[in-house]
Amino acid sequence: SKPMNVKLTKENLCIASEVLADSSDIQSVSIENMWGNIRSLLVILNADGARKIRAATRSADRHRIGIVIDGELLVAPFVMDTLPDVFHLVLNVPEDELERIASTLISSRTIQ
């Protein structure tokens, strides 16, 4: 594992170098309204990506996964349960940053 700073929380974490999923595993990403003024990224995985993420998170039991965009660890959420093929990623960032993340997620993202 290698230490990385988490951009959105300023934490310093060690993440495994194993890539759990990459851009080829994503079917689509869109910005959605959740409740009130909370916005999220709706991530839809293709069949292969869903299989990989389910296998990786099946026994996660509060482990963290890192979402890396352009070599930068964006966020490392706790996984509370097996992730499905469609999930929301809630990020506390300004709208323009959320749009930037959504637009680059498909082409350059990895989950570790």
Protein backbone atom coordinates (compact mmCIF):
# COMPACT_ATOMS: atom_id res chain seq x y z
CA SER A 1 0.00 0.00 0.00
CA LYS A 2 1.03 3.58 -0.51
CA PRO A 3 0.15 6.67 1.56
CA MET A 4 -2.07 9.26 -0.13
CA ASN A 5 -3.81 12.40 1.06
CA VAL A 6 -7.59 12.34 0.70
CA LYS A 7 -8.45 15.52 -1.19
CA LEU A 8 -11.89 16.15 0.30
CA THR A 9 -11.14 15.27 3.94
CA LYS A 10 -7.40 16.03 4.21
CA GLU A 11 -6.79 12.60 5.77
CA ASN A 12 -3.59 10.69 5.06
CA LEU A 13 -4.42 7.05 4.27
CA CYS A 14 -2.60 4.05 2.92
CA ILE A 15 -4.51 2.42 0.09
CA ALA A 16 -3.84 -0.88 -1.58
CA SER A 17 -2.40 -0.72 -5.06
CA GLU A 18 -4.92 -3.32 -6.30
CA VAL A 19 -7.47 -1.71 -8.63
CA LEU A 20 -10.98 -3.01 -7.91
CA ALA A 21 -12.68 -1.30 -10.84
CA ASP A 22 -11.77 1.20 -13.54
CA SER A 23 -13.43 3.33 -16.19
CA SER A 24 -14.25 0.31 -18.34
CA ASP A 25 -16.54 -0.92 -15.52
CA ILE A 26 -18.77 2.17 -15.54
CA GLN A 27 -21.87 2.36 -17.70
CA SER A 28 -22.80 5.94 -16.75
CA VAL A 29 -22.41 8.75 -14.22
CA SER A 30 -24.91 11.55 -13.69
CA ILE A 31 -25.55 14.30 -11.15
CA GLU A 32 -28.75 13.74 -9.19
CA ASN A 33 -30.76 15.60 -6.55
CA MET A 34 -31.09 13.52 -3.41
CA TRP A 35 -32.94 15.58 -0.80
CA GLY A 36 -33.09 19.31 -0.20
CA ASN A 37 -30.03 20.84 -1.82
CA ILE A 38 -27.89 17.69 -1.51
CA ARG A 39 -26.49 16.56 -4.86
CA SER A 40 -24.82 13.26 -5.59
CA LEU A 41 -23.22 11.32 -8.39
CA LEU A 42 -25.33 8.40 -9.53
CA VAL A 43 -22.89 5.72 -10.67
CA ILE A 44 -24.17 2.83 -12.77
CA LEU A 45 -21.77 -0.04 -13.32
CA ASN A 46 -21.87 -2.47 -16.21
CA ALA A 47 -22.24 -6.22 -15.51
CA ASP A 48 -18.50 -6.83 -15.19
CA GLY A 49 -18.01 -3.80 -12.93
CA ALA A 50 -20.95 -4.79 -10.74
CA ARG A 51 -19.51 -8.29 -10.34
CA LYS A 52 -16.10 -6.88 -9.34
CA ILE A 53 -17.51 -4.35 -6.85
CA ARG A 54 -19.89 -6.88 -5.28
CA ALA A 55 -17.02 -9.32 -4.81
CA ALA A 56 -14.75 -6.62 -3.35
CA THR A 57 -17.35 -5.23 -0.95
CA ARG A 58 -19.18 -8.43 0.00
CA SER A 59 -17.14 -8.84 3.18
CA ALA A 60 -16.02 -5.22 3.50
CA ASP A 61 -17.66 -4.71 6.92
CA ARG A 62 -16.77 -1.04 7.33
CA HIS A 63 -13.60 -1.15 5.26
CA ARG A 64 -12.87 1.85 3.09
CA ILE A 65 -12.46 2.02 -0.65
CA GLY A 66 -10.59 4.80 -2.38
CA ILE A 67 -11.88 6.64 -5.42
CA VAL A 68 -8.92 7.89 -7.42
CA ILE A 69 -9.30 10.42 -10.23
CA ASP A 70 -6.28 11.47 -12.27
CA GLY A 71 -3.94 9.93 -9.67
CA GLU A 72 -5.53 11.88 -6.82
CA LEU A 73 -7.39 10.15 -3.98
CA LEU A 74 -10.68 12.04 -4.04
CA VAL A 75 -12.55 10.30 -1.24
CA ALA A 76 -12.36 7.04 0.72
CA PRO A 77 -15.85 6.20 2.00
CA PHE A 78 -16.61 3.45 4.48
CA VAL A 79 -18.46 0.58 2.83
CA MET A 80 -21.22 -0.56 5.14
CA ASP A 81 -22.66 -3.28 2.92
CA THR A 82 -22.15 -4.94 -0.45
CA LEU A 83 -22.34 -2.26 -3.13
CA PRO A 84 -24.95 -2.83 -5.86
CA ASP A 85 -24.50 -2.06 -9.54
CA VAL A 86 -26.16 1.36 -9.03
CA PHE A 87 -25.09 3.60 -6.15
CA HIS A 88 -24.95 7.24 -5.08
CA LEU A 89 -21.68 8.92 -4.22
CA VAL A 90 -22.44 11.92 -2.00
CA LEU A 91 -19.62 14.47 -1.97
CA ASN A 92 -19.58 17.75 -0.08
CA VAL A 93 -18.10 19.83 -2.90
CA PRO A 94 -19.19 22.92 -4.85
CA GLU A 95 -21.36 22.33 -7.92
CA ASP A 96 -18.55 23.08 -10.39
CA GLU A 97 -16.31 20.50 -8.69
CA LEU A 98 -19.11 17.93 -8.76
CA GLU A 99 -19.52 18.54 -12.49
CA ARG A 100 -15.76 18.20 -13.04
CA ILE A 101 -15.71 14.91 -11.13
CA ALA A 102 -18.70 13.58 -13.07
CA SER A 103 -17.15 14.52 -16.41
CA THR A 104 -13.81 12.85 -15.65
CA LEU A 105 -15.06 9.85 -13.70
CA ILE A 106 -15.69 7.63 -16.70
CA SER A 107 -12.37 8.29 -18.43
CA SER A 108 -9.85 8.27 -15.60
CA ARG A 109 -11.22 6.79 -12.39
CA THR A 110 -10.20 3.77 -10.39
CA ILE A 111 -11.60 2.32 -7.18
CA GLN A 112 -8.99 0.79 -4.92
